[in-house]
PDB file of N, CA and C in Angstrom:
ATOM      1  N   MET A   1       4.689   2.914  21.051  1.00  0.00           N
ATOM      2  CA  MET A   1       4.619   1.487  21.286  1.00  0.00           C
ATOM      3  C   MET A   1       5.448   1.136  22.521  1.00  0.00           C
ATOM      4  N   HIS A   2       6.632   1.715  22.603  1.00  0.00           N
ATOM      5  CA  HIS A   2       7.504   1.421  23.741  1.00  0.00           C
ATOM      6  C   HIS A   2       6.826   1.783  25.065  1.00  0.00           C
ATOM      7  N   GLN A   3       6.208   2.957  25.121  1.00  0.00           N
ATOM      8  CA  GLN A   3       5.567   3.393  26.369  1.00  0.00           C
ATOM      9  C   GLN A   3       4.431   2.452  26.762  1.00  0.00           C
ATOM     10  N   LEU A   4       3.722   1.922  25.786  1.00  0.00           N
ATOM     11  CA  LEU A   4       2.584   1.059  26.090  1.00  0.00           C
ATOM     12  C   LEU A   4       3.001  -0.353  26.476  1.00  0.00           C
ATOM     13  N   THR A   5       4.196  -0.771  26.072  1.00  0.00           N
ATOM     14  CA  THR A   5       4.585  -2.174  26.266  1.00  0.00           C
ATOM     15  C   THR A   5       5.780  -2.377  27.186  1.00  0.00           C
ATOM     16  N   LYS A   6       6.450  -1.331  27.590  1.00  0.00           N
ATOM     17  CA  LYS A   6       7.714  -1.496  28.305  1.00  0.00           C
ATOM     18  C   LYS A   6       7.588  -2.283  29.612  1.00  0.00           C
ATOM     19  N   ASN A   7       6.457  -2.212  30.286  1.00  0.00           N
ATOM     20  CA  ASN A   7       6.315  -2.906  31.563  1.00  0.00           C
ATOM     21  C   ASN A   7       5.464  -4.174  31.476  1.00  0.00           C
ATOM     22  N   LEU A   8       5.107  -4.580  30.266  1.00  0.00           N
ATOM     23  CA  LEU A   8       4.291  -5.792  30.129  1.00  0.00           C
ATOM     24  C   LEU A   8       5.115  -7.044  30.392  1.00  0.00           C
ATOM     25  N   LYS A   9       4.522  -7.992  31.079  1.00  0.00           N
ATOM     26  CA  LYS A   9       5.141  -9.296  31.283  1.00  0.00           C
ATOM     27  C   LYS A   9       4.752 -10.186  30.103  1.00  0.00           C
ATOM     28  N   GLU A  10       5.557 -11.221  29.848  1.00  0.00           N
ATOM     29  CA  GLU A  10       5.265 -12.121  28.734  1.00  0.00           C
ATOM     30  C   GLU A  10       3.862 -12.707  28.827  1.00  0.00           C
ATOM     31  N   SER A  11       3.423 -13.074  30.012  1.00  0.00           N
ATOM     32  CA  SER A  11       2.080 -13.647  30.167  1.00  0.00           C
ATOM     33  C   SER A  11       1.001 -12.632  29.792  1.00  0.00           C
ATOM     34  N   GLU A  12       1.236 -11.347  30.087  1.00  0.00           N
ATOM     35  CA  GLU A  12       0.268 -10.317  29.722  1.00  0.00           C
ATOM     36  C   GLU A  12       0.216 -10.141  28.209  1.00  0.00           C
ATOM     37  N   ILE A  13       1.363 -10.245  27.570  1.00  0.00           N
ATOM     38  CA  ILE A  13       1.423 -10.123  26.113  1.00  0.00           C
ATOM     39  C   ILE A  13       0.712 -11.312  25.464  1.00  0.00           C
ATOM     40  N   GLU A  14       1.038 -12.515  25.914  1.00  0.00           N
ATOM     41  CA  GLU A  14       0.474 -13.727  25.317  1.00  0.00           C
ATOM     42  C   GLU A  14      -1.044 -13.773  25.430  1.00  0.00           C
ATOM     43  N   ASN A  15      -1.595 -13.254  26.508  1.00  0.00           N
ATOM     44  CA  ASN A  15      -3.035 -13.335  26.769  1.00  0.00           C
ATOM     45  C   ASN A  15      -3.781 -12.059  26.402  1.00  0.00           C
ATOM     46  N   SER A  16      -3.235 -11.316  25.467  1.00  0.00           N
ATOM     47  CA  SER A  16      -3.875 -10.062  25.069  1.00  0.00           C
ATOM     48  C   SER A  16      -4.034 -10.025  23.551  1.00  0.00           C
ATOM     49  N   PRO A  17      -4.832  -9.093  23.063  1.00  0.00           N
ATOM     50  CA  PRO A  17      -4.935  -8.929  21.605  1.00  0.00           C
ATOM     51  C   PRO A  17      -3.601  -8.546  20.966  1.00  0.00           C
ATOM     52  N   PHE A  18      -2.687  -8.049  21.765  1.00  0.00           N
ATOM     53  CA  PHE A  18      -1.361  -7.669  21.283  1.00  0.00           C
ATOM     54  C   PHE A  18      -0.489  -8.892  20.992  1.00  0.00           C
ATOM     55  N   GLY A  19      -0.886 -10.062  21.482  1.00  0.00           N
ATOM     56  CA  GLY A  19      -0.074 -11.276  21.368  1.00  0.00           C
ATOM     57  C   GLY A  19       0.338 -11.630  19.950  1.00  0.00           C
ATOM     58  N   ALA A  20      -0.595 -11.640  19.023  1.00  0.00           N
ATOM     59  CA  ALA A  20      -0.277 -12.004  17.634  1.00  0.00           C
ATOM     60  C   ALA A  20       0.661 -10.983  17.003  1.00  0.00           C
ATOM     61  N   TYR A  21       0.427  -9.725  17.272  1.00  0.00           N
ATOM     62  CA  TYR A  21       1.310  -8.668  16.765  1.00  0.00           C
ATOM     63  C   TYR A  21       2.721  -8.875  17.315  1.00  0.00           C
ATOM     64  N   TYR A  22       2.815  -9.151  18.611  1.00  0.00           N
ATOM     65  CA  TYR A  22       4.108  -9.321  19.269  1.00  0.00           C
ATOM     66  C   TYR A  22       4.906 -10.467  18.648  1.00  0.00           C
ATOM     67  N   ILE A  23       4.235 -11.571  18.329  1.00  0.00           N
ATOM     68  CA  ILE A  23       4.927 -12.711  17.727  1.00  0.00           C
ATOM     69  C   ILE A  23       5.616 -12.298  16.436  1.00  0.00           C
ATOM     70  N   ASP A  24       4.935 -11.501  15.618  1.00  0.00           N
ATOM     71  CA  ASP A  24       5.493 -11.090  14.326  1.00  0.00           C
ATOM     72  C   ASP A  24       6.468  -9.920  14.405  1.00  0.00           C
ATOM     73  N   HIS A  25       6.245  -8.991  15.355  1.00  0.00           N
ATOM     74  CA  HIS A  25       6.987  -7.732  15.315  1.00  0.00           C
ATOM     75  C   HIS A  25       7.646  -7.335  16.632  1.00  0.00           C
ATOM     76  N   GLY A  26       7.506  -8.174  17.660  1.00  0.00           N
ATOM     77  CA  GLY A  26       8.060  -7.789  18.956  1.00  0.00           C
ATOM     78  C   GLY A  26       7.409  -6.513  19.440  1.00  0.00           C
ATOM     79  N   LYS A  27       8.179  -5.667  20.071  1.00  0.00           N
ATOM     80  CA  LYS A  27       7.647  -4.394  20.560  1.00  0.00           C
ATOM     81  C   LYS A  27       7.943  -3.266  19.580  1.00  0.00           C
ATOM     82  N   GLY A  28       8.368  -3.629  18.369  1.00  0.00           N
ATOM     83  CA  GLY A  28       8.662  -2.631  17.349  1.00  0.00           C
ATOM     84  C   GLY A  28       7.405  -2.073  16.718  1.00  0.00           C
ATOM     85  N   VAL A  29       7.550  -0.948  16.074  1.00  0.00           N
ATOM     86  CA  VAL A  29       6.423  -0.309  15.400  1.00  0.00           C
ATOM     87  C   VAL A  29       6.364  -0.822  13.966  1.00  0.00           C
ATOM     88  N   TYR A  30       5.253  -1.404  13.619  1.00  0.00           N
ATOM     89  CA  TYR A  30       5.010  -1.905  12.267  1.00  0.00           C
ATOM     90  C   TYR A  30       3.722  -1.248  11.787  1.00  0.00           C
ATOM     91  N   PRO A  31       3.757  -0.546  10.662  1.00  0.00           N
ATOM     92  CA  PRO A  31       2.584   0.234  10.259  1.00  0.00           C
ATOM     93  C   PRO A  31       1.411  -0.624   9.790  1.00  0.00           C
ATOM     94  N   VAL A  32       0.417  -0.758  10.659  1.00  0.00           N
ATOM     95  CA  VAL A  32      -0.817  -1.475  10.350  1.00  0.00           C
ATOM     96  C   VAL A  32      -1.990  -0.624  10.809  1.00  0.00           C
ATOM     97  N   ASN A  33      -3.152  -0.870  10.207  1.00  0.00           N
ATOM     98  CA  ASN A  33      -4.338  -0.152  10.663  1.00  0.00           C
ATOM     99  C   ASN A  33      -4.940  -0.876  11.860  1.00  0.00           C
ATOM    100  N   ALA A  34      -6.042  -0.370  12.374  1.00  0.00           N
ATOM    101  CA  ALA A  34      -6.644  -0.948  13.571  1.00  0.00           C
ATOM    102  C   ALA A  34      -7.107  -2.377  13.356  1.00  0.00           C
ATOM    103  N   GLY A  35      -7.347  -2.765  12.106  1.00  0.00           N
ATOM    104  CA  GLY A  35      -7.752  -4.134  11.793  1.00  0.00           C
ATOM    105  C   GLY A  35      -6.578  -5.061  11.565  1.00  0.00           C
ATOM    106  N   GLY A  36      -5.363  -4.547  11.706  1.00  0.00           N
ATOM    107  CA  GLY A  36      -4.169  -5.361  11.524  1.00  0.00           C
ATOM    108  C   GLY A  36      -3.683  -5.442  10.086  1.00  0.00           C
ATOM    109  N   GLU A  37      -4.299  -4.695   9.179  1.00  0.00           N
ATOM    110  CA  GLU A  37      -3.897  -4.719   7.770  1.00  0.00           C
ATOM    111  C   GLU A  37      -2.665  -3.838   7.582  1.00  0.00           C
ATOM    112  N   ALA A  38      -1.638  -4.402   6.966  1.00  0.00           N
ATOM    113  CA  ALA A  38      -0.379  -3.678   6.779  1.00  0.00           C
ATOM    114  C   ALA A  38      -0.550  -2.511   5.798  1.00  0.00           C
ATOM    115  N   LEU A  39       0.253  -1.473   6.011  1.00  0.00           N
ATOM    116  CA  LEU A  39       0.275  -0.333   5.106  1.00  0.00           C
ATOM    117  C   LEU A  39       0.682  -0.806   3.713  1.00  0.00           C
ATOM    118  N   LYS A  40      -0.048  -0.337   2.728  1.00  0.00           N
ATOM    119  CA  LYS A  40       0.282  -0.649   1.332  1.00  0.00           C
ATOM    120  C   LYS A  40       0.682   0.644   0.642  1.00  0.00           C
ATOM    121  N   LEU A  41       1.711   0.583  -0.132  1.00  0.00           N
ATOM    122  CA  LEU A  41       2.150   1.790  -0.820  1.00  0.00           C
ATOM    123  C   LEU A  41       1.120   2.274  -1.827  1.00  0.00           C
ATOM    124  N   THR A  42       0.197   1.406  -2.230  1.00  0.00           N
ATOM    125  CA  THR A  42      -0.862   1.851  -3.134  1.00  0.00           C
ATOM    126  C   THR A  42      -1.795   2.831  -2.436  1.00  0.00           C
ATOM    127  N   ALA A  43      -1.698   2.930  -1.119  1.00  0.00           N
ATOM    128  CA  ALA A  43      -2.522   3.891  -0.375  1.00  0.00           C
ATOM    129  C   ALA A  43      -2.027   5.314  -0.586  1.00  0.00           C
ATOM    130  N   ILE A  44      -0.826   5.460  -1.119  1.00  0.00           N
ATOM    131  CA  ILE A  44      -0.267   6.786  -1.375  1.00  0.00           C
ATOM    132  C   ILE A  44      -0.695   7.189  -2.774  1.00  0.00           C
ATOM    133  N   ASN A  45      -1.576   8.162  -2.849  1.00  0.00           N
ATOM    134  CA  ASN A  45      -2.129   8.593  -4.133  1.00  0.00           C
ATOM    135  C   ASN A  45      -1.397   9.818  -4.646  1.00  0.00           C
ATOM    136  N   VAL A  46      -0.755   9.681  -5.775  1.00  0.00           N
ATOM    137  CA  VAL A  46      -0.053  10.782  -6.400  1.00  0.00           C
ATOM    138  C   VAL A  46      -0.484  10.833  -7.861  1.00  0.00           C
ATOM    139  N   MET A  47      -0.911  12.018  -8.284  1.00  0.00           N
ATOM    140  CA  MET A  47      -1.368  12.187  -9.659  1.00  0.00           C
ATOM    141  C   MET A  47      -0.344  12.908 -10.523  1.00  0.00           C
ATOM    142  N   GLY A  48       0.604  13.581  -9.887  1.00  0.00           N
ATOM    143  CA  GLY A  48       1.562  14.368 -10.660  1.00  0.00           C
ATOM    144  C   GLY A  48       1.043  15.765 -10.958  1.00  0.00           C
ATOM    145  N   ASP A  49      -0.144  16.073 -10.494  1.00  0.00           N
ATOM    146  CA  ASP A  49      -0.715  17.407 -10.627  1.00  0.00           C
ATOM    147  C   ASP A  49      -0.706  18.028  -9.239  1.00  0.00           C
ATOM    148  N   PRO A  50      -0.019  19.149  -9.074  1.00  0.00           N
ATOM    149  CA  PRO A  50       0.114  19.713  -7.727  1.00  0.00           C
ATOM    150  C   PRO A  50      -1.219  19.995  -7.025  1.00  0.00           C
ATOM    151  N   ILE A  51      -2.220  20.473  -7.758  1.00  0.00           N
ATOM    152  CA  ILE A  51      -3.506  20.766  -7.122  1.00  0.00           C
ATOM    153  C   ILE A  51      -4.182  19.473  -6.679  1.00  0.00           C
ATOM    154  N   ALA A  52      -4.226  18.480  -7.552  1.00  0.00           N
ATOM    155  CA  ALA A  52      -4.837  17.194  -7.187  1.00  0.00           C
ATOM    156  C   ALA A  52      -4.098  16.559  -6.012  1.00  0.00           C
ATOM    157  N   ASP A  53      -2.769  16.635  -6.031  1.00  0.00           N
ATOM    158  CA  ASP A  53      -1.987  16.025  -4.958  1.00  0.00           C
ATOM    159  C   ASP A  53      -2.193  16.749  -3.625  1.00  0.00           C
ATOM    160  N   LEU A  54      -2.289  18.072  -3.663  1.00  0.00           N
ATOM    161  CA  LEU A  54      -2.531  18.809  -2.416  1.00  0.00           C
ATOM    162  C   LEU A  54      -3.923  18.529  -1.858  1.00  0.00           C
ATOM    163  N   VAL A  55      -4.914  18.398  -2.728  1.00  0.00           N
ATOM    164  CA  VAL A  55      -6.259  18.061  -2.256  1.00  0.00           C
ATOM    165  C   VAL A  55      -6.240  16.675  -1.606  1.00  0.00           C
ATOM    166  N   GLU A  56      -5.507  15.739  -2.191  1.00  0.00           N
ATOM    167  CA  GLU A  56      -5.363  14.405  -1.602  1.00  0.00           C
ATOM    168  C   GLU A  56      -4.679  14.497  -0.233  1.00  0.00           C
ATOM    169  N   ASP A  57      -3.656  15.342  -0.131  1.00  0.00           N
ATOM    170  CA  ASP A  57      -2.962  15.535   1.143  1.00  0.00           C
ATOM    171  C   ASP A  57      -3.905  16.117   2.198  1.00  0.00           C
ATOM    172  N   LEU A  58      -4.732  17.079   1.790  1.00  0.00           N
ATOM    173  CA  LEU A  58      -5.711  17.663   2.716  1.00  0.00           C
ATOM    174  C   LEU A  58      -6.660  16.594   3.240  1.00  0.00           C
ATOM    175  N   ALA A  59      -7.132  15.747   2.349  1.00  0.00           N
ATOM    176  CA  ALA A  59      -8.051  14.677   2.763  1.00  0.00           C
ATOM    177  C   ALA A  59      -7.357  13.714   3.716  1.00  0.00           C
ATOM    178  N   ALA A  60      -6.120  13.365   3.433  1.00  0.00           N
ATOM    179  CA  ALA A  60      -5.383  12.429   4.291  1.00  0.00           C
ATOM    180  C   ALA A  60      -5.209  12.999   5.696  1.00  0.00           C
ATOM    181  N   GLU A  61      -4.921  14.280   5.794  1.00  0.00           N
ATOM    182  CA  GLU A  61      -4.760  14.904   7.111  1.00  0.00           C
ATOM    183  C   GLU A  61      -6.072  14.880   7.890  1.00  0.00           C
ATOM    184  N   GLN A  62      -7.175  15.135   7.211  1.00  0.00           N
ATOM    185  CA  GLN A  62      -8.468  15.113   7.891  1.00  0.00           C
ATOM    186  C   GLN A  62      -8.834  13.696   8.325  1.00  0.00           C
ATOM    187  N   LYS A  63      -8.525  12.707   7.489  1.00  0.00           N
ATOM    188  CA  LYS A  63      -8.811  11.319   7.860  1.00  0.00           C
ATOM    189  C   LYS A  63      -7.992  10.914   9.084  1.00  0.00           C
ATOM    190  N   ALA A  64      -6.731  11.331   9.130  1.00  0.00           N
ATOM    191  CA  ALA A  64      -5.890  11.025  10.290  1.00  0.00           C
ATOM    192  C   ALA A  64      -6.441  11.705  11.542  1.00  0.00           C
ATOM    193  N   ARG A  65      -6.900  12.954  11.400  1.00  0.00           N
ATOM    194  CA  ARG A  65      -7.474  13.659  12.547  1.00  0.00           C
ATOM    195  C   ARG A  65      -8.690  12.915  13.087  1.00  0.00           C
ATOM    196  N   VAL A  66      -9.523  12.407  12.195  1.00  0.00           N
ATOM    197  CA  VAL A  66     -10.713  11.666  12.628  1.00  0.00           C
ATOM    198  C   VAL A  66     -10.312  10.404  13.392  1.00  0.00           C
ATOM    199  N   VAL A  67      -9.273   9.717  12.934  1.00  0.00           N
ATOM    200  CA  VAL A  67      -8.798   8.528  13.646  1.00  0.00           C
ATOM    201  C   VAL A  67      -8.365   8.909  15.058  1.00  0.00           C
ATOM    202  N   TYR A  68      -7.625  10.005  15.193  1.00  0.00           N
ATOM    203  CA  TYR A  68      -7.202  10.441  16.520  1.00  0.00           C
ATOM    204  C   TYR A  68      -8.397  10.833  17.381  1.00  0.00           C
ATOM    205  N   ASP A  69      -9.397  11.497  16.779  1.00  0.00           N
ATOM    206  CA  ASP A  69     -10.620  11.807  17.523  1.00  0.00           C
ATOM    207  C   ASP A  69     -11.273  10.530  18.036  1.00  0.00           C
ATOM    208  N   ASN A  70     -11.327   9.519  17.185  1.00  0.00           N
ATOM    209  CA  ASN A  70     -11.943   8.244  17.575  1.00  0.00           C
ATOM    210  C   ASN A  70     -11.166   7.573  18.706  1.00  0.00           C
ATOM    211  N   ILE A  71      -9.853   7.629  18.633  1.00  0.00           N
ATOM    212  CA  ILE A  71      -9.034   7.039  19.704  1.00  0.00           C
ATOM    213  C   ILE A  71      -9.327   7.748  21.027  1.00  0.00           C
ATOM    214  N   LEU A  72      -9.432   9.064  20.982  1.00  0.00           N
ATOM    215  CA  LEU A  72      -9.687   9.826  22.208  1.00  0.00           C
ATOM    216  C   LEU A  72     -11.049   9.506  22.818  1.00  0.00           C
ATOM    217  N   THR A  73     -11.999   9.064  22.008  1.00  0.00           N
ATOM    218  CA  THR A  73     -13.305   8.723  22.569  1.00  0.00           C
ATOM    219  C   THR A  73     -13.291   7.394  23.315  1.00  0.00           C
ATOM    220  N   VAL A  74     -12.305   6.541  23.022  1.00  0.00           N
ATOM    221  CA  VAL A  74     -12.278   5.224  23.679  1.00  0.00           C
ATOM    222  C   VAL A  74     -11.128   5.053  24.666  1.00  0.00           C
ATOM    223  N   SER A  75     -10.177   5.966  24.679  1.00  0.00           N
ATOM    224  CA  SER A  75      -9.023   5.829  25.567  1.00  0.00           C
ATOM    225  C   SER A  75      -9.243   6.596  26.866  1.00  0.00           C
ATOM    226  N   ASP A  76      -8.864   5.952  27.967  1.00  0.00           N
ATOM    227  CA  ASP A  76      -8.921   6.643  29.247  1.00  0.00           C
ATOM    228  C   ASP A  76      -7.530   6.731  29.888  1.00  0.00           C
ATOM    229  N   ASP A  77      -6.503   6.485  29.086  1.00  0.00           N
ATOM    230  CA  ASP A  77      -5.128   6.537  29.564  1.00  0.00           C
ATOM    231  C   ASP A  77      -4.564   7.936  29.303  1.00  0.00           C
ATOM    232  N   PRO A  78      -4.296   8.711  30.351  1.00  0.00           N
ATOM    233  CA  PRO A  78      -3.814  10.085  30.157  1.00  0.00           C
ATOM    234  C   PRO A  78      -2.519  10.171  29.350  1.00  0.00           C
ATOM    235  N   ASP A  79      -1.611   9.218  29.535  1.00  0.00           N
ATOM    236  CA  ASP A  79      -0.355   9.255  28.782  1.00  0.00           C
ATOM    237  C   ASP A  79      -0.604   9.027  27.292  1.00  0.00           C
ATOM    238  N   VAL A  80      -1.455   8.065  26.979  1.00  0.00           N
ATOM    239  CA  VAL A  80      -1.810   7.815  25.582  1.00  0.00           C
ATOM    240  C   VAL A  80      -2.528   9.039  25.021  1.00  0.00           C
ATOM    241  N   ASN A  81      -3.476   9.568  25.768  1.00  0.00           N
ATOM    242  CA  ASN A  81      -4.256  10.707  25.287  1.00  0.00           C
ATOM    243  C   ASN A  81      -3.385  11.928  25.007  1.00  0.00           C
ATOM    244  N   ASP A  82      -2.367  12.153  25.841  1.00  0.00           N
ATOM    245  CA  ASP A  82      -1.469  13.286  25.599  1.00  0.00           C
ATOM    246  C   ASP A  82      -0.751  13.136  24.258  1.00  0.00           C
ATOM    247  N   VAL A  83      -0.272  11.938  23.976  1.00  0.00           N
ATOM    248  CA  VAL A  83       0.410  11.690  22.703  1.00  0.00           C
ATOM    249  C   VAL A  83      -0.573  11.849  21.541  1.00  0.00           C
ATOM    250  N   ILE A  84      -1.755  11.286  21.669  1.00  0.00           N
ATOM    251  CA  ILE A  84      -2.759  11.361  20.606  1.00  0.00           C
ATOM    252  C   ILE A  84      -3.177  12.813  20.370  1.00  0.00           C
ATOM    253  N   LYS A  85      -3.333  13.582  21.428  1.00  0.00           N
ATOM    254  CA  LYS A  85      -3.685  15.000  21.274  1.00  0.00           C
ATOM    255  C   LYS A  85      -2.587  15.756  20.533  1.00  0.00           C
ATOM    256  N   PHE A  86      -1.318  15.439  20.844  1.00  0.00           N
ATOM    257  CA  PHE A  86      -0.203  16.063  20.137  1.00  0.00           C
ATOM    258  C   PHE A  86      -0.249  15.698  18.651  1.00  0.00           C
ATOM    259  N   LEU A  87      -0.439  14.406  18.357  1.00  0.00           N
ATOM    260  CA  LEU A  87      -0.488  13.971  16.967  1.00  0.00           C
ATOM    261  C   LEU A  87      -1.684  14.574  16.233  1.00  0.00           C
ATOM    262  N   ARG A  88      -2.822  14.660  16.918  1.00  0.00           N
ATOM    263  CA  ARG A  88      -4.018  15.261  16.327  1.00  0.00           C
ATOM    264  C   ARG A  88      -3.756  16.720  15.968  1.00  0.00           C
ATOM    265  N   GLN A  89      -3.141  17.457  16.871  1.00  0.00           N
ATOM    266  CA  GLN A  89      -2.834  18.862  16.597  1.00  0.00           C
ATOM    267  C   GLN A  89      -1.878  18.999  15.419  1.00  0.00           C
ATOM    268  N   ARG A  90      -0.952  18.077  15.311  1.00  0.00           N
ATOM    269  CA  ARG A  90      -0.011  18.096  14.185  1.00  0.00           C
ATOM    270  C   ARG A  90      -0.757  17.913  12.861  1.00  0.00           C
ATOM    271  N   GLU A  91      -1.767  17.036  12.844  1.00  0.00           N
ATOM    272  CA  GLU A  91      -2.564  16.844  11.628  1.00  0.00           C
ATOM    273  C   GLU A  91      -3.291  18.132  11.256  1.00  0.00           C
ATOM    274  N   ILE A  92      -3.788  18.837  12.256  1.00  0.00           N
ATOM    275  CA  ILE A  92      -4.488  20.102  12.014  1.00  0.00           C
ATOM    276  C   ILE A  92      -3.543  21.116  11.385  1.00  0.00           C
ATOM    277  N   VAL A  93      -2.340  21.210  11.920  1.00  0.00           N
ATOM    278  CA  VAL A  93      -1.352  22.150  11.378  1.00  0.00           C
ATOM    279  C   VAL A  93      -0.963  21.745   9.956  1.00  0.00           C
ATOM    280  N   HIS A  94      -0.756  20.455   9.726  1.00  0.00           N
ATOM    281  CA  HIS A  94      -0.437  20.001   8.363  1.00  0.00           C
ATOM    282  C   HIS A  94      -1.558  20.379   7.407  1.00  0.00           C
ATOM    283  N   PHE A  95      -2.813  20.168   7.824  1.00  0.00           N
ATOM    284  CA  PHE A  95      -3.957  20.519   6.991  1.00  0.00           C
ATOM    285  C   PHE A  95      -3.920  22.006   6.646  1.00  0.00           C
ATOM    286  N   GLN A  96      -3.636  22.832   7.639  1.00  0.00           N
ATOM    287  CA  GLN A  96      -3.575  24.281   7.403  1.00  0.00           C
ATOM    288  C   GLN A  96      -2.460  24.636   6.418  1.00  0.00           C
ATOM    289  N   ARG A  97      -1.291  24.028   6.581  1.00  0.00           N
ATOM    290  CA  ARG A  97      -0.174  24.341   5.680  1.00  0.00           C
ATOM    291  C   ARG A  97      -0.451  23.856   4.251  1.00  0.00           C
ATOM    292  N   PHE A  98      -1.025  22.658   4.109  1.00  0.00           N
ATOM    293  CA  PHE A  98      -1.384  22.176   2.775  1.00  0.00           C
ATOM    294  C   PHE A  98      -2.426  23.106   2.148  1.00  0.00           C
ATOM    295  N   GLY A  99      -3.373  23.577   2.958  1.00  0.00           N
ATOM    296  CA  GLY A  99      -4.386  24.509   2.459  1.00  0.00           C
ATOM    297  C   GLY A  99      -3.770  25.810   1.981  1.00  0.00           C
ATOM    298  N   GLU A 100      -2.797  26.316   2.729  1.00  0.00           N
ATOM    299  CA  GLU A 100      -2.095  27.536   2.319  1.00  0.00           C
ATOM    300  C   GLU A 100      -1.338  27.316   1.018  1.00  0.00           C
ATOM    301  N   ALA A 101      -0.690  26.179   0.892  1.00  0.00           N
ATOM    302  CA  ALA A 101       0.039  25.866  -0.343  1.00  0.00           C
ATOM    303  C   ALA A 101      -0.920  25.768  -1.528  1.00  0.00           C
ATOM    304  N   LEU A 102      -2.069  25.146  -1.297  1.00  0.00           N
ATOM    305  CA  LEU A 102      -3.069  25.025  -2.356  1.00  0.00           C
ATOM    306  C   LEU A 102      -3.567  26.404  -2.774  1.00  0.00           C
ATOM    307  N   ASP A 103      -3.854  27.273  -1.810  1.00  0.00           N
ATOM    308  CA  ASP A 103      -4.300  28.636  -2.130  1.00  0.00           C
ATOM    309  C   ASP A 103      -3.261  29.373  -2.961  1.00  0.00           C
ATOM    310  N   ARG A 104      -2.004  29.282  -2.568  1.00  0.00           N
ATOM    311  CA  ARG A 104      -0.934  29.974  -3.306  1.00  0.00           C
ATOM    312  C   ARG A 104      -0.812  29.428  -4.725  1.00  0.00           C
ATOM    313  N   LEU A 105      -0.862  28.127  -4.842  1.00  0.00           N
ATOM    314  CA  LEU A 105      -0.748  27.501  -6.160  1.00  0.00           C
ATOM    315  C   LEU A 105      -1.912  27.917  -7.057  1.00  0.00           C
ATOM    316  N   GLN A 106      -3.123  27.928  -6.517  1.00  0.00           N
ATOM    317  CA  GLN A 106      -4.290  28.322  -7.310  1.00  0.00           C
ATOM    318  C   GLN A 106      -4.213  29.798  -7.701  1.00  0.00           C
ATOM    319  N   GLN A 107      -3.741  30.644  -6.794  1.00  0.00           N
ATOM    320  CA  GLN A 107      -3.578  32.061  -7.123  1.00  0.00           C
ATOM    321  C   GLN A 107      -2.549  32.242  -8.232  1.00  0.00           C
ATOM    322  N   LYS A 108      -1.462  31.504  -8.128  1.00  0.00           N
ATOM    323  CA  LYS A 108      -0.404  31.593  -9.145  1.00  0.00           C
ATOM    324  C   LYS A 108      -0.924  31.123 -10.499  1.00  0.00           C
ATOM    325  N   ARG A 109      -1.707  30.043 -10.507  1.00  0.00           N
ATOM    326  CA  ARG A 109      -2.275  29.542 -11.765  1.00  0.00           C
ATOM    327  C   ARG A 109      -3.248  30.546 -12.361  1.00  0.00           C
ATOM    328  N   CYS A 110      -4.032  31.199 -11.510  1.00  0.00           N
ATOM    329  CA  CYS A 110      -4.983  32.204 -11.997  1.00  0.00           C
ATOM    330  C   CYS A 110      -4.237  33.383 -12.636  1.00  0.00           C
ATOM    331  N   MET A 111      -3.149  33.799 -11.997  1.00  0.00           N
ATOM    332  CA  MET A 111      -2.354  34.907 -12.547  1.00  0.00           C
ATOM    333  C   MET A 111      -1.722  34.496 -13.868  1.00  0.00           C
ATOM    334  N   THR A 112      -1.213  33.281 -13.942  1.00  0.00           N
ATOM    335  CA  THR A 112      -0.580  32.792 -15.172  1.00  0.00           C
ATOM    336  C   THR A 112      -1.613  32.678 -16.287  1.00  0.00           C
ATOM    337  N   ASN A 113      -2.796  32.181 -15.957  1.00  0.00           N
ATOM    338  CA  ASN A 113      -3.847  32.015 -16.976  1.00  0.00           C
ATOM    339  C   ASN A 113      -4.379  33.357 -17.455  1.00  0.00           C
ATOM    340  N   SER A 114      -4.365  34.374 -16.596  1.00  0.00           N
ATOM    341  CA  SER A 114      -4.866  35.691 -17.012  1.00  0.00           C
ATOM    342  C   SER A 114      -3.883  36.389 -17.942  1.00  0.00           C
ATOM    343  N   ASP A 115      -2.629  35.971 -17.928  1.00  0.00           N
ATOM    344  CA  ASP A 115      -1.616  36.536 -18.808  1.00  0.00           C
ATOM    345  C   ASP A 115      -1.749  36.018 -20.233  1.00  0.00           C
ATOM    346  N   ARG A 116      -2.512  34.967 -20.421  1.00  0.00           N
ATOM    347  CA  ARG A 116      -2.604  34.353 -21.752  1.00  0.00           C
ATOM    348  C   ARG A 116      -3.508  35.115 -22.650  1.00  0.00           C
TER     349      ARG A 116
END
């Protein structure tokens, strides 16, 4: 947010789609989606079952990656794109690590169930 707004003049802020956001939050980062809807904690899905929770985590990482892909299709700012590419790659790595954890957990459950 700082990189995108640090050189903006007040008139540029007031006459942009960023104006309403700025009135409420200044140049600070406030977690909202592209439609301006604030993050709700109900968006965090936890079942208390490690397999179900890891599958939810995998889905969340893929959804975030798609958002970054979409941003890259509409952005022509190299500085923004570099940050988005970094964040996109991070989502990919998170997805891989969650997948590895899920595989290990499922293998462990299979071994435990075969002992019964």
